[in-house]
């Protein structure tokens, strides 16, 4: 949960930038007015891969 809607938007942009750098793109959902849900998996592999874990670590630093 973030402070407000603007903070959620800023967070998703930062996540998008990190995702683009890694060429690995999660599903990002903004809901309510201050919440964001991110789902990371490698669809072509049918689950979680090392690339997903690397992206999750990068997102944690955002």
PDB file of N, CA and C in Angstrom:
ATOM      1  N   UNK A   1       0.843  -1.159   0.000  1.00  0.00           N
ATOM      2  CA  UNK A   1       0.000   0.000   0.000  1.00  0.00           C
ATOM      3  C   UNK A   1       0.899   1.237   0.000  1.00  0.00           C
ATOM      4  N   UNK A   2       0.564   2.181  -0.851  1.00  0.00           N
ATOM      5  CA  UNK A   2       1.336   3.416  -0.944  1.00  0.00           C
ATOM      6  C   UNK A   2       0.508   4.587  -0.419  1.00  0.00           C
ATOM      7  N   UNK A   3       1.100   5.766  -0.381  1.00  0.00           N
ATOM      8  CA  UNK A   3       0.459   6.922   0.241  1.00  0.00           C
ATOM      9  C   UNK A   3      -0.799   7.393  -0.487  1.00  0.00           C
ATOM     10  N   UNK A   4      -0.745   7.406  -1.815  1.00  0.00           N
ATOM     11  CA  UNK A   4      -1.876   7.931  -2.577  1.00  0.00           C
ATOM     12  C   UNK A   4      -1.778   7.469  -4.029  1.00  0.00           C
ATOM     13  N   UNK A   5      -2.730   7.900  -4.834  1.00  0.00           N
ATOM     14  CA  UNK A   5      -2.788   7.467  -6.229  1.00  0.00           C
ATOM     15  C   UNK A   5      -1.550   7.908  -7.010  1.00  0.00           C
ATOM     16  N   UNK A   6      -1.091   9.111  -6.781  1.00  0.00           N
ATOM     17  CA  UNK A   6       0.102   9.603  -7.484  1.00  0.00           C
ATOM     18  C   UNK A   6       1.325   8.748  -7.158  1.00  0.00           C
ATOM     19  N   UNK A   7       1.433   8.319  -5.919  1.00  0.00           N
ATOM     20  CA  UNK A   7       2.556   7.466  -5.518  1.00  0.00           C
ATOM     21  C   UNK A   7       2.492   6.110  -6.211  1.00  0.00           C
ATOM     22  N   UNK A   8       1.284   5.563  -6.359  1.00  0.00           N
ATOM     23  CA  UNK A   8       1.119   4.291  -7.063  1.00  0.00           C
ATOM     24  C   UNK A   8       1.531   4.439  -8.521  1.00  0.00           C
ATOM     25  N   UNK A   9       1.106   5.525  -9.150  1.00  0.00           N
ATOM     26  CA  UNK A   9       1.491   5.754 -10.546  1.00  0.00           C
ATOM     27  C   UNK A   9       3.003   5.880 -10.688  1.00  0.00           C
ATOM     28  N   UNK A  10       3.633   6.632  -9.809  1.00  0.00           N
ATOM     29  CA  UNK A  10       5.087   6.800  -9.864  1.00  0.00           C
ATOM     30  C   UNK A  10       5.795   5.458  -9.666  1.00  0.00           C
ATOM     31  N   UNK A  11       5.304   4.650  -8.732  1.00  0.00           N
ATOM     32  CA  UNK A  11       5.885   3.338  -8.474  1.00  0.00           C
ATOM     33  C   UNK A  11       5.783   2.457  -9.712  1.00  0.00           C
ATOM     34  N   UNK A  12       4.630   2.436 -10.362  1.00  0.00           N
ATOM     35  CA  UNK A  12       4.471   1.573 -11.532  1.00  0.00           C
ATOM     36  C   UNK A  12       5.370   2.024 -12.682  1.00  0.00           C
ATOM     37  N   UNK A  13       5.608   3.309 -12.808  1.00  0.00           N
ATOM     38  CA  UNK A  13       6.539   3.790 -13.836  1.00  0.00           C
ATOM     39  C   UNK A  13       7.949   3.299 -13.531  1.00  0.00           C
ATOM     40  N   UNK A  14       8.361   3.376 -12.284  1.00  0.00           N
ATOM     41  CA  UNK A  14       9.697   2.897 -11.890  1.00  0.00           C
ATOM     42  C   UNK A  14       9.832   1.394 -12.137  1.00  0.00           C
ATOM     43  N   UNK A  15       8.787   0.647 -11.806  1.00  0.00           N
ATOM     44  CA  UNK A  15       8.791  -0.795 -12.066  1.00  0.00           C
ATOM     45  C   UNK A  15       8.887  -1.048 -13.572  1.00  0.00           C
ATOM     46  N   UNK A  16       8.153  -0.261 -14.337  1.00  0.00           N
ATOM     47  CA  UNK A  16       8.200  -0.397 -15.792  1.00  0.00           C
ATOM     48  C   UNK A  16       9.583  -0.145 -16.356  1.00  0.00           C
ATOM     49  N   UNK A  17      10.263   0.840 -15.838  1.00  0.00           N
ATOM     50  CA  UNK A  17      11.615   1.151 -16.298  1.00  0.00           C
ATOM     51  C   UNK A  17      12.565  -0.004 -15.985  1.00  0.00           C
ATOM     52  N   UNK A  18      12.504  -0.534 -14.761  1.00  0.00           N
ATOM     53  CA  UNK A  18      13.350  -1.675 -14.396  1.00  0.00           C
ATOM     54  C   UNK A  18      13.016  -2.896 -15.250  1.00  0.00           C
ATOM     55  N   UNK A  19      11.738  -3.118 -15.483  1.00  0.00           N
ATOM     56  CA  UNK A  19      11.300  -4.259 -16.297  1.00  0.00           C
ATOM     57  C   UNK A  19      11.809  -4.144 -17.726  1.00  0.00           C
ATOM     58  N   UNK A  20      11.737  -2.959 -18.264  1.00  0.00           N
ATOM     59  CA  UNK A  20      12.202  -2.733 -19.639  1.00  0.00           C
ATOM     60  C   UNK A  20      13.706  -2.961 -19.747  1.00  0.00           C
ATOM     61  N   UNK A  21      14.466  -2.517 -18.737  1.00  0.00           N
ATOM     62  CA  UNK A  21      15.915  -2.738 -18.729  1.00  0.00           C
ATOM     63  C   UNK A  21      16.240  -4.226 -18.795  1.00  0.00           C
ATOM     64  N   UNK A  22      15.406  -5.036 -18.134  1.00  0.00           N
ATOM     65  CA  UNK A  22      15.649  -6.478 -18.078  1.00  0.00           C
ATOM     66  C   UNK A  22      14.937  -7.220 -19.210  1.00  0.00           C
ATOM     67  N   UNK A  23      14.165  -6.494 -20.013  1.00  0.00           N
ATOM     68  CA  UNK A  23      13.361  -7.095 -21.078  1.00  0.00           C
ATOM     69  C   UNK A  23      12.500  -8.233 -20.528  1.00  0.00           C
ATOM     70  N   UNK A  24      11.885  -7.950 -19.397  1.00  0.00           N
ATOM     71  CA  UNK A  24      11.027  -8.939 -18.728  1.00  0.00           C
ATOM     72  C   UNK A  24       9.882  -8.166 -18.087  1.00  0.00           C
ATOM     73  N   UNK A  25       8.665  -8.411 -18.508  1.00  0.00           N
ATOM     74  CA  UNK A  25       7.560  -7.529 -18.179  1.00  0.00           C
ATOM     75  C   UNK A  25       6.486  -8.226 -17.339  1.00  0.00           C
ATOM     76  N   UNK A  26       6.272  -7.749 -16.108  1.00  0.00           N
ATOM     77  CA  UNK A  26       5.268  -8.350 -15.229  1.00  0.00           C
ATOM     78  C   UNK A  26       3.870  -7.829 -15.563  1.00  0.00           C
ATOM     79  N   UNK A  27       2.882  -8.479 -14.988  1.00  0.00           N
ATOM     80  CA  UNK A  27       1.516  -7.958 -15.028  1.00  0.00           C
ATOM     81  C   UNK A  27       1.392  -6.994 -13.858  1.00  0.00           C
ATOM     82  N   UNK A  28       0.937  -5.770 -14.137  1.00  0.00           N
ATOM     83  CA  UNK A  28       0.815  -4.743 -13.104  1.00  0.00           C
ATOM     84  C   UNK A  28      -0.636  -4.288 -13.033  1.00  0.00           C
ATOM     85  N   UNK A  29      -1.199  -4.342 -11.844  1.00  0.00           N
ATOM     86  CA  UNK A  29      -2.583  -3.941 -11.626  1.00  0.00           C
ATOM     87  C   UNK A  29      -2.633  -2.844 -10.568  1.00  0.00           C
ATOM     88  N   UNK A  30      -3.260  -1.729 -10.893  1.00  0.00           N
ATOM     89  CA  UNK A  30      -3.507  -0.674  -9.908  1.00  0.00           C
ATOM     90  C   UNK A  30      -4.959  -0.823  -9.479  1.00  0.00           C
ATOM     91  N   UNK A  31      -5.175  -0.886  -8.176  1.00  0.00           N
ATOM     92  CA  UNK A  31      -6.549  -0.989  -7.689  1.00  0.00           C
ATOM     93  C   UNK A  31      -6.732  -0.134  -6.447  1.00  0.00           C
ATOM     94  N   UNK A  32      -7.970   0.083  -6.096  1.00  0.00           N
ATOM     95  CA  UNK A  32      -8.328   1.035  -5.049  1.00  0.00           C
ATOM     96  C   UNK A  32      -7.714   2.373  -5.444  1.00  0.00           C
ATOM     97  N   UNK A  33      -7.198   3.097  -4.549  1.00  0.00           N
ATOM     98  CA  UNK A  33      -6.585   4.383  -4.883  1.00  0.00           C
ATOM     99  C   UNK A  33      -5.126   4.436  -4.487  1.00  0.00           C
ATOM    100  N   UNK A  34      -4.650   3.378  -3.809  1.00  0.00           N
ATOM    101  CA  UNK A  34      -3.261   3.409  -3.350  1.00  0.00           C
ATOM    102  C   UNK A  34      -2.617   2.023  -3.315  1.00  0.00           C
ATOM    103  N   UNK A  35      -3.118   1.112  -4.146  1.00  0.00           N
ATOM    104  CA  UNK A  35      -2.577  -0.252  -4.119  1.00  0.00           C
ATOM    105  C   UNK A  35      -2.157  -0.703  -5.508  1.00  0.00           C
ATOM    106  N   UNK A  36      -1.119  -1.517  -5.529  1.00  0.00           N
ATOM    107  CA  UNK A  36      -0.588  -2.053  -6.778  1.00  0.00           C
ATOM    108  C   UNK A  36      -0.272  -3.530  -6.563  1.00  0.00           C
ATOM    109  N   UNK A  37      -0.694  -4.346  -7.492  1.00  0.00           N
ATOM    110  CA  UNK A  37      -0.395  -5.779  -7.441  1.00  0.00           C
ATOM    111  C   UNK A  37       0.466  -6.110  -8.650  1.00  0.00           C
ATOM    112  N   UNK A  38       1.568  -6.813  -8.423  1.00  0.00           N
ATOM    113  CA  UNK A  38       2.481  -7.196  -9.500  1.00  0.00           C
ATOM    114  C   UNK A  38       2.573  -8.713  -9.534  1.00  0.00           C
ATOM    115  N   UNK A  39       2.371  -9.283 -10.705  1.00  0.00           N
ATOM    116  CA  UNK A  39       2.495 -10.724 -10.884  1.00  0.00           C
ATOM    117  C   UNK A  39       3.663 -10.970 -11.833  1.00  0.00           C
ATOM    118  N   UNK A  40       4.628 -11.744 -11.364  1.00  0.00           N
ATOM    119  CA  UNK A  40       5.822 -12.028 -12.152  1.00  0.00           C
ATOM    120  C   UNK A  40       5.892 -13.523 -12.425  1.00  0.00           C
ATOM    121  N   UNK A  41       5.913 -13.871 -13.687  1.00  0.00           N
ATOM    122  CA  UNK A  41       6.148 -15.256 -14.095  1.00  0.00           C
ATOM    123  C   UNK A  41       6.577 -15.255 -15.548  1.00  0.00           C
ATOM    124  N   UNK A  42       7.215 -16.319 -15.958  1.00  0.00           N
ATOM    125  CA  UNK A  42       7.629 -16.444 -17.346  1.00  0.00           C
ATOM    126  C   UNK A  42       6.607 -17.340 -18.034  1.00  0.00           C
ATOM    127  N   UNK A  43       5.685 -16.701 -18.733  1.00  0.00           N
ATOM    128  CA  UNK A  43       4.576 -17.431 -19.349  1.00  0.00           C
ATOM    129  C   UNK A  43       5.065 -18.536 -20.284  1.00  0.00           C
ATOM    130  N   UNK A  44       6.126 -18.253 -21.023  1.00  0.00           N
ATOM    131  CA  UNK A  44       6.634 -19.248 -21.978  1.00  0.00           C
ATOM    132  C   UNK A  44       7.231 -20.471 -21.287  1.00  0.00           C
ATOM    133  N   UNK A  45       7.603 -20.314 -20.011  1.00  0.00           N
ATOM    134  CA  UNK A  45       8.185 -21.424 -19.250  1.00  0.00           C
ATOM    135  C   UNK A  45       7.161 -22.067 -18.306  1.00  0.00           C
ATOM    136  N   UNK A  46       5.994 -21.458 -18.223  1.00  0.00           N
ATOM    137  CA  UNK A  46       4.946 -22.016 -17.383  1.00  0.00           C
ATOM    138  C   UNK A  46       5.141 -21.833 -15.886  1.00  0.00           C
ATOM    139  N   UNK A  47       5.898 -20.826 -15.502  1.00  0.00           N
ATOM    140  CA  UNK A  47       6.087 -20.598 -14.066  1.00  0.00           C
ATOM    141  C   UNK A  47       7.195 -19.615 -13.779  1.00  0.00           C
ATOM    142  N   UNK A  48       7.731 -19.716 -12.587  1.00  0.00           N
ATOM    143  CA  UNK A  48       8.758 -18.791 -12.117  1.00  0.00           C
ATOM    144  C   UNK A  48      10.138 -19.286 -12.534  1.00  0.00           C
ATOM    145  N   UNK A  49      10.936 -18.347 -13.056  1.00  0.00           N
ATOM    146  CA  UNK A  49      12.300 -18.656 -13.467  1.00  0.00           C
ATOM    147  C   UNK A  49      13.271 -17.728 -12.740  1.00  0.00           C
ATOM    148  N   UNK A  50      14.542 -17.935 -12.970  1.00  0.00           N
ATOM    149  CA  UNK A  50      15.568 -17.077 -12.376  1.00  0.00           C
ATOM    150  C   UNK A  50      15.393 -15.620 -12.817  1.00  0.00           C
ATOM    151  N   UNK A  51      14.943 -15.425 -14.037  1.00  0.00           N
ATOM    152  CA  UNK A  51      14.706 -14.070 -14.534  1.00  0.00           C
ATOM    153  C   UNK A  51      13.606 -13.379 -13.721  1.00  0.00           C
ATOM    154  N   UNK A  52      12.587 -14.135 -13.319  1.00  0.00           N
ATOM    155  CA  UNK A  52      11.520 -13.585 -12.486  1.00  0.00           C
ATOM    156  C   UNK A  52      12.049 -13.173 -11.121  1.00  0.00           C
ATOM    157  N   UNK A  53      12.892 -14.006 -10.562  1.00  0.00           N
ATOM    158  CA  UNK A  53      13.467 -13.716  -9.249  1.00  0.00           C
ATOM    159  C   UNK A  53      14.353 -12.478  -9.319  1.00  0.00           C
ATOM    160  N   UNK A  54      15.123 -12.348 -10.381  1.00  0.00           N
ATOM    161  CA  UNK A  54      15.972 -11.165 -10.563  1.00  0.00           C
ATOM    162  C   UNK A  54      15.122  -9.899 -10.666  1.00  0.00           C
ATOM    163  N   UNK A  55      14.020  -9.975 -11.410  1.00  0.00           N
ATOM    164  CA  UNK A  55      13.130  -8.822 -11.537  1.00  0.00           C
ATOM    165  C   UNK A  55      12.499  -8.492 -10.186  1.00  0.00           C
ATOM    166  N   UNK A  56      12.094  -9.489  -9.437  1.00  0.00           N
ATOM    167  CA  UNK A  56      11.513  -9.249  -8.119  1.00  0.00           C
ATOM    168  C   UNK A  56      12.508  -8.522  -7.205  1.00  0.00           C
ATOM    169  N   UNK A  57      13.760  -8.926  -7.246  1.00  0.00           N
ATOM    170  CA  UNK A  57      14.790  -8.243  -6.433  1.00  0.00           C
ATOM    171  C   UNK A  57      14.960  -6.802  -6.885  1.00  0.00           C
ATOM    172  N   UNK A  58      14.926  -6.562  -8.180  1.00  0.00           N
ATOM    173  CA  UNK A  58      15.052  -5.184  -8.684  1.00  0.00           C
ATOM    174  C   UNK A  58      13.861  -4.338  -8.236  1.00  0.00           C
ATOM    175  N   UNK A  59      12.670  -4.928  -8.271  1.00  0.00           N
ATOM    176  CA  UNK A  59      11.470  -4.195  -7.853  1.00  0.00           C
ATOM    177  C   UNK A  59      11.519  -3.876  -6.362  1.00  0.00           C
ATOM    178  N   UNK A  60      12.031  -4.789  -5.574  1.00  0.00           N
ATOM    179  CA  UNK A  60      12.152  -4.535  -4.133  1.00  0.00           C
ATOM    180  C   UNK A  60      13.011  -3.317  -3.832  1.00  0.00           C
ATOM    181  N   UNK A  61      13.939  -2.992  -4.716  1.00  0.00           N
ATOM    182  CA  UNK A  61      14.823  -1.848  -4.508  1.00  0.00           C
ATOM    183  C   UNK A  61      14.192  -0.527  -4.939  1.00  0.00           C
ATOM    184  N   UNK A  62      13.052  -0.605  -5.646  1.00  0.00           N
ATOM    185  CA  UNK A  62      12.383   0.608  -6.144  1.00  0.00           C
ATOM    186  C   UNK A  62      11.798   1.389  -4.980  1.00  0.00           C
TER     187      UNK A  62
END
